[in-house]
Amino acid sequence: MASRSINELLPDYPEIQVERVEYLTNLKRARREGVRTIPTLVEEGGGLQGFYLTKARIRAYFDDLTS
């Protein structure tokens, strides 16, 4: 669900680059980045986590990143 919303929103935010990381094969990196739930969006200094990330929450997060 979050992946679909991210894909739909990214054309509106060309300055945002997304790197998808497979949690189970990159556990050390996930722990280092502070990932506790899936899905998680991480950026320097913070992030957005939740079991159910709505398109509206992701859009608000992207808006904060680009403002």
PDB file of N, CA and C in Angstrom:
ATOM      1  N   MET A   1       0.818  -1.191   0.000  1.00  0.00           N
ATOM      2  CA  MET A   1       0.000   0.000   0.000  1.00  0.00           C
ATOM      3  C   MET A   1       0.869   1.265   0.000  1.00  0.00           C
ATOM      4  N   ALA A   2       1.826   1.336   0.911  1.00  0.00           N
ATOM      5  CA  ALA A   2       2.682   2.523   0.968  1.00  0.00           C
ATOM      6  C   ALA A   2       3.495   2.666  -0.310  1.00  0.00           C
ATOM      7  N   SER A   3       3.963   1.557  -0.835  1.00  0.00           N
ATOM      8  CA  SER A   3       4.763   1.609  -2.059  1.00  0.00           C
ATOM      9  C   SER A   3       3.961   2.190  -3.218  1.00  0.00           C
ATOM     10  N   ARG A   4       2.718   1.785  -3.332  1.00  0.00           N
ATOM     11  CA  ARG A   4       1.858   2.312  -4.400  1.00  0.00           C
ATOM     12  C   ARG A   4       1.658   3.814  -4.221  1.00  0.00           C
ATOM     13  N   SER A   5       1.396   4.246  -2.990  1.00  0.00           N
ATOM     14  CA  SER A   5       1.197   5.675  -2.729  1.00  0.00           C
ATOM     15  C   SER A   5       2.455   6.471  -3.026  1.00  0.00           C
ATOM     16  N   ILE A   6       3.602   5.946  -2.634  1.00  0.00           N
ATOM     17  CA  ILE A   6       4.870   6.624  -2.909  1.00  0.00           C
ATOM     18  C   ILE A   6       5.067   6.766  -4.414  1.00  0.00           C
ATOM     19  N   ASN A   7       4.832   5.688  -5.146  1.00  0.00           N
ATOM     20  CA  ASN A   7       4.987   5.732  -6.606  1.00  0.00           C
ATOM     21  C   ASN A   7       4.053   6.751  -7.240  1.00  0.00           C
ATOM     22  N   GLU A   8       2.842   6.879  -6.715  1.00  0.00           N
ATOM     23  CA  GLU A   8       1.894   7.850  -7.249  1.00  0.00           C
ATOM     24  C   GLU A   8       2.297   9.284  -6.915  1.00  0.00           C
ATOM     25  N   LEU A   9       2.919   9.494  -5.756  1.00  0.00           N
ATOM     26  CA  LEU A   9       3.276  10.839  -5.307  1.00  0.00           C
ATOM     27  C   LEU A   9       4.607  11.337  -5.867  1.00  0.00           C
ATOM     28  N   LEU A  10       5.536  10.460  -6.139  1.00  0.00           N
ATOM     29  CA  LEU A  10       6.879  10.876  -6.554  1.00  0.00           C
ATOM     30  C   LEU A  10       6.914  11.814  -7.757  1.00  0.00           C
ATOM     31  N   PRO A  11       6.068  11.666  -8.761  1.00  0.00           N
ATOM     32  CA  PRO A  11       6.114  12.625  -9.872  1.00  0.00           C
ATOM     33  C   PRO A  11       5.857  14.071  -9.435  1.00  0.00           C
ATOM     34  N   ASP A  12       5.149  14.265  -8.330  1.00  0.00           N
ATOM     35  CA  ASP A  12       4.888  15.608  -7.810  1.00  0.00           C
ATOM     36  C   ASP A  12       6.066  16.162  -7.009  1.00  0.00           C
ATOM     37  N   TYR A  13       7.048  15.315  -6.708  1.00  0.00           N
ATOM     38  CA  TYR A  13       8.194  15.703  -5.881  1.00  0.00           C
ATOM     39  C   TYR A  13       9.492  15.254  -6.564  1.00  0.00           C
ATOM     40  N   PRO A  14       9.863  15.883  -7.676  1.00  0.00           N
ATOM     41  CA  PRO A  14      11.048  15.424  -8.416  1.00  0.00           C
ATOM     42  C   PRO A  14      12.351  15.557  -7.625  1.00  0.00           C
ATOM     43  N   GLU A  15      12.368  16.383  -6.599  1.00  0.00           N
ATOM     44  CA  GLU A  15      13.589  16.563  -5.808  1.00  0.00           C
ATOM     45  C   GLU A  15      13.790  15.457  -4.771  1.00  0.00           C
ATOM     46  N   ILE A  16      12.804  14.599  -4.591  1.00  0.00           N
ATOM     47  CA  ILE A  16      12.911  13.499  -3.632  1.00  0.00           C
ATOM     48  C   ILE A  16      13.339  12.239  -4.371  1.00  0.00           C
ATOM     49  N   GLN A  17      14.383  11.602  -3.830  1.00  0.00           N
ATOM     50  CA  GLN A  17      14.848  10.326  -4.370  1.00  0.00           C
ATOM     51  C   GLN A  17      14.539   9.243  -3.348  1.00  0.00           C
ATOM     52  N   VAL A  18      13.996   8.145  -3.802  1.00  0.00           N
ATOM     53  CA  VAL A  18      13.628   7.045  -2.915  1.00  0.00           C
ATOM     54  C   VAL A  18      14.519   5.851  -3.210  1.00  0.00           C
ATOM     55  N   GLU A  19      15.063   5.295  -2.146  1.00  0.00           N
ATOM     56  CA  GLU A  19      15.830   4.052  -2.250  1.00  0.00           C
ATOM     57  C   GLU A  19      15.070   3.005  -1.451  1.00  0.00           C
ATOM     58  N   ARG A  20      14.683   1.940  -2.104  1.00  0.00           N
ATOM     59  CA  ARG A  20      13.973   0.862  -1.422  1.00  0.00           C
ATOM     60  C   ARG A  20      15.003  -0.147  -0.923  1.00  0.00           C
ATOM     61  N   VAL A  21      14.904  -0.473   0.364  1.00  0.00           N
ATOM     62  CA  VAL A  21      15.840  -1.403   0.984  1.00  0.00           C
ATOM     63  C   VAL A  21      15.039  -2.574   1.549  1.00  0.00           C
ATOM     64  N   GLU A  22      15.430  -3.778   1.202  1.00  0.00           N
ATOM     65  CA  GLU A  22      14.780  -4.980   1.712  1.00  0.00           C
ATOM     66  C   GLU A  22      15.202  -5.185   3.164  1.00  0.00           C
ATOM     67  N   TYR A  23      14.234  -5.116   4.053  1.00  0.00           N
ATOM     68  CA  TYR A  23      14.486  -5.181   5.493  1.00  0.00           C
ATOM     69  C   TYR A  23      15.162  -6.492   5.896  1.00  0.00           C
ATOM     70  N   LEU A  24      14.630  -7.605   5.468  1.00  0.00           N
ATOM     71  CA  LEU A  24      15.117  -8.903   5.935  1.00  0.00           C
ATOM     72  C   LEU A  24      16.536  -9.219   5.483  1.00  0.00           C
ATOM     73  N   THR A  25      16.965  -8.671   4.374  1.00  0.00           N
ATOM     74  CA  THR A  25      18.326  -8.944   3.910  1.00  0.00           C
ATOM     75  C   THR A  25      19.301  -7.833   4.288  1.00  0.00           C
ATOM     76  N   ASN A  26      18.819  -6.792   4.956  1.00  0.00           N
ATOM     77  CA  ASN A  26      19.664  -5.668   5.373  1.00  0.00           C
ATOM     78  C   ASN A  26      19.370  -5.278   6.818  1.00  0.00           C
ATOM     79  N   LEU A  27      19.348  -6.259   7.713  1.00  0.00           N
ATOM     80  CA  LEU A  27      18.979  -6.005   9.107  1.00  0.00           C
ATOM     81  C   LEU A  27      19.906  -5.012   9.796  1.00  0.00           C
ATOM     82  N   LYS A  28      21.205  -5.120   9.560  1.00  0.00           N
ATOM     83  CA  LYS A  28      22.143  -4.193  10.210  1.00  0.00           C
ATOM     84  C   LYS A  28      21.860  -2.760   9.802  1.00  0.00           C
ATOM     85  N   ARG A  29      21.661  -2.552   8.526  1.00  0.00           N
ATOM     86  CA  ARG A  29      21.362  -1.196   8.050  1.00  0.00           C
ATOM     87  C   ARG A  29      20.036  -0.707   8.623  1.00  0.00           C
ATOM     88  N   ALA A  30      19.045  -1.568   8.636  1.00  0.00           N
ATOM     89  CA  ALA A  30      17.735  -1.187   9.176  1.00  0.00           C
ATOM     90  C   ALA A  30      17.861  -0.757  10.630  1.00  0.00           C
ATOM     91  N   ARG A  31      18.593  -1.494  11.412  1.00  0.00           N
ATOM     92  CA  ARG A  31      18.785  -1.130  12.828  1.00  0.00           C
ATOM     93  C   ARG A  31      19.553   0.180  12.949  1.00  0.00           C
ATOM     94  N   ARG A  32      20.588   0.347  12.135  1.00  0.00           N
ATOM     95  CA  ARG A  32      21.383   1.577  12.167  1.00  0.00           C
ATOM     96  C   ARG A  32      20.519   2.789  11.820  1.00  0.00           C
ATOM     97  N   GLU A  33      19.581   2.613  10.895  1.00  0.00           N
ATOM     98  CA  GLU A  33      18.701   3.706  10.466  1.00  0.00           C
ATOM     99  C   GLU A  33      17.520   3.907  11.414  1.00  0.00           C
ATOM    100  N   GLY A  34      17.372   3.032  12.415  1.00  0.00           N
ATOM    101  CA  GLY A  34      16.284   3.176  13.374  1.00  0.00           C
ATOM    102  C   GLY A  34      14.954   2.616  12.907  1.00  0.00           C
ATOM    103  N   VAL A  35      14.983   1.701  11.951  1.00  0.00           N
ATOM    104  CA  VAL A  35      13.747   1.103  11.442  1.00  0.00           C
ATOM    105  C   VAL A  35      13.219   0.113  12.469  1.00  0.00           C
ATOM    106  N   ARG A  36      11.980   0.345  12.911  1.00  0.00           N
ATOM    107  CA  ARG A  36      11.353  -0.540  13.888  1.00  0.00           C
ATOM    108  C   ARG A  36      10.094  -1.196  13.346  1.00  0.00           C
ATOM    109  N   THR A  37       9.497  -0.576  12.350  1.00  0.00           N
ATOM    110  CA  THR A  37       8.304  -1.140  11.726  1.00  0.00           C
ATOM    111  C   THR A  37       8.451  -1.057  10.212  1.00  0.00           C
ATOM    112  N   ILE A  38       7.656  -1.849   9.542  1.00  0.00           N
ATOM    113  CA  ILE A  38       7.636  -1.822   8.085  1.00  0.00           C
ATOM    114  C   ILE A  38       6.241  -1.387   7.675  1.00  0.00           C
ATOM    115  N   PRO A  39       6.093  -0.414   6.827  1.00  0.00           N
ATOM    116  CA  PRO A  39       7.109   0.341   6.105  1.00  0.00           C
ATOM    117  C   PRO A  39       7.644   1.502   6.937  1.00  0.00           C
ATOM    118  N   THR A  40       8.809   1.980   6.581  1.00  0.00           N
ATOM    119  CA  THR A  40       9.415   3.152   7.188  1.00  0.00           C
ATOM    120  C   THR A  40      10.043   4.001   6.095  1.00  0.00           C
ATOM    121  N   LEU A  41       9.832   5.297   6.181  1.00  0.00           N
ATOM    122  CA  LEU A  41      10.520   6.252   5.313  1.00  0.00           C
ATOM    123  C   LEU A  41      11.528   6.967   6.190  1.00  0.00           C
ATOM    124  N   VAL A  42      12.788   6.974   5.782  1.00  0.00           N
ATOM    125  CA  VAL A  42      13.858   7.551   6.587  1.00  0.00           C
ATOM    126  C   VAL A  42      14.558   8.631   5.786  1.00  0.00           C
ATOM    127  N   GLU A  43      14.860   9.729   6.465  1.00  0.00           N
ATOM    128  CA  GLU A  43      15.693  10.776   5.888  1.00  0.00           C
ATOM    129  C   GLU A  43      16.586  11.283   6.997  1.00  0.00           C
ATOM    130  N   GLU A  44      17.603  12.008   6.636  1.00  0.00           N
ATOM    131  CA  GLU A  44      18.560  12.502   7.621  1.00  0.00           C
ATOM    132  C   GLU A  44      17.837  13.318   8.684  1.00  0.00           C
ATOM    133  N   GLY A  45      17.971  12.894   9.927  1.00  0.00           N
ATOM    134  CA  GLY A  45      17.376  13.634  11.027  1.00  0.00           C
ATOM    135  C   GLY A  45      15.960  13.235  11.390  1.00  0.00           C
ATOM    136  N   GLY A  46      15.408  12.222  10.755  1.00  0.00           N
ATOM    137  CA  GLY A  46      14.052  11.820  11.110  1.00  0.00           C
ATOM    138  C   GLY A  46      13.492  10.793  10.158  1.00  0.00           C
ATOM    139  N   GLY A  47      12.191  10.582  10.301  1.00  0.00           N
ATOM    140  CA  GLY A  47      11.557   9.608   9.430  1.00  0.00           C
ATOM    141  C   GLY A  47      10.077   9.494   9.718  1.00  0.00           C
ATOM    142  N   LEU A  48       9.423   8.631   8.976  1.00  0.00           N
ATOM    143  CA  LEU A  48       7.998   8.373   9.110  1.00  0.00           C
ATOM    144  C   LEU A  48       7.824   6.871   9.184  1.00  0.00           C
ATOM    145  N   GLN A  49       7.217   6.393  10.287  1.00  0.00           N
ATOM    146  CA  GLN A  49       7.021   4.966  10.479  1.00  0.00           C
ATOM    147  C   GLN A  49       5.564   4.687  10.791  1.00  0.00           C
ATOM    148  N   GLY A  50       5.130   3.493  10.478  1.00  0.00           N
ATOM    149  CA  GLY A  50       3.784   3.079  10.817  1.00  0.00           C
ATOM    150  C   GLY A  50       3.392   1.839  10.052  1.00  0.00           C
ATOM    151  N   PHE A  51       2.514   1.052  10.652  1.00  0.00           N
ATOM    152  CA  PHE A  51       2.054  -0.158   9.977  1.00  0.00           C
ATOM    153  C   PHE A  51       1.179   0.183   8.781  1.00  0.00           C
ATOM    154  N   TYR A  52       0.469   1.307   8.863  1.00  0.00           N
ATOM    155  CA  TYR A  52      -0.405   1.718   7.768  1.00  0.00           C
ATOM    156  C   TYR A  52      -0.139   3.182   7.483  1.00  0.00           C
ATOM    157  N   LEU A  53       0.659   3.455   6.469  1.00  0.00           N
ATOM    158  CA  LEU A  53       0.958   4.829   6.077  1.00  0.00           C
ATOM    159  C   LEU A  53       0.003   5.233   4.965  1.00  0.00           C
ATOM    160  N   THR A  54      -0.874   6.172   5.271  1.00  0.00           N
ATOM    161  CA  THR A  54      -1.831   6.623   4.269  1.00  0.00           C
ATOM    162  C   THR A  54      -1.142   7.535   3.262  1.00  0.00           C
ATOM    163  N   LYS A  55      -1.765   7.677   2.120  1.00  0.00           N
ATOM    164  CA  LYS A  55      -1.238   8.564   1.091  1.00  0.00           C
ATOM    165  C   LYS A  55      -1.161   9.992   1.619  1.00  0.00           C
ATOM    166  N   ALA A  56      -2.137  10.394   2.426  1.00  0.00           N
ATOM    167  CA  ALA A  56      -2.141  11.743   2.997  1.00  0.00           C
ATOM    168  C   ALA A  56      -0.957  11.947   3.938  1.00  0.00           C
ATOM    169  N   ARG A  57      -0.635  10.950   4.760  1.00  0.00           N
ATOM    170  CA  ARG A  57       0.520  11.067   5.669  1.00  0.00           C
ATOM    171  C   ARG A  57       1.823  11.138   4.889  1.00  0.00           C
ATOM    172  N   ILE A  58       1.925  10.339   3.844  1.00  0.00           N
ATOM    173  CA  ILE A  58       3.135  10.353   3.024  1.00  0.00           C
ATOM    174  C   ILE A  58       3.268  11.691   2.309  1.00  0.00           C
ATOM    175  N   ARG A  59       2.159  12.216   1.777  1.00  0.00           N
ATOM    176  CA  ARG A  59       2.189  13.521   1.112  1.00  0.00           C
ATOM    177  C   ARG A  59       2.621  14.616   2.097  1.00  0.00           C
ATOM    178  N   ALA A  60       2.085  14.600   3.307  1.00  0.00           N
ATOM    179  CA  ALA A  60       2.463  15.592   4.316  1.00  0.00           C
ATOM    180  C   ALA A  60       3.952  15.476   4.644  1.00  0.00           C
ATOM    181  N   TYR A  61       4.453  14.260   4.730  1.00  0.00           N
ATOM    182  CA  TYR A  61       5.873  14.032   4.994  1.00  0.00           C
ATOM    183  C   TYR A  61       6.725  14.579   3.851  1.00  0.00           C
ATOM    184  N   PHE A  62       6.338  14.298   2.615  1.00  0.00           N
ATOM    185  CA  PHE A  62       7.054  14.830   1.458  1.00  0.00           C
ATOM    186  C   PHE A  62       6.993  16.355   1.438  1.00  0.00           C
ATOM    187  N   ASP A  63       5.846  16.926   1.780  1.00  0.00           N
ATOM    188  CA  ASP A  63       5.719  18.388   1.837  1.00  0.00           C
ATOM    189  C   ASP A  63       6.691  18.974   2.855  1.00  0.00           C
ATOM    190  N   ASP A  64       6.798  18.333   4.021  1.00  0.00           N
ATOM    191  CA  ASP A  64       7.739  18.806   5.046  1.00  0.00           C
ATOM    192  C   ASP A  64       9.178  18.727   4.548  1.00  0.00           C
ATOM    193  N   LEU A  65       9.501  17.670   3.833  1.00  0.00           N
ATOM    194  CA  LEU A  65      10.864  17.508   3.316  1.00  0.00           C
ATOM    195  C   LEU A  65      11.228  18.574   2.295  1.00  0.00           C
ATOM    196  N   THR A  66      10.259  19.018   1.535  1.00  0.00           N
ATOM    197  CA  THR A  66      10.545  19.946   0.441  1.00  0.00           C
ATOM    198  C   THR A  66      10.272  21.401   0.794  1.00  0.00           C
ATOM    199  N   SER A  67       9.828  21.671   2.011  1.00  0.00           N
ATOM    200  CA  SER A  67       9.546  23.071   2.381  1.00  0.00           C
ATOM    201  C   SER A  67      10.740  23.740   3.016  1.00  0.00           C
TER     202      SER A  67
END
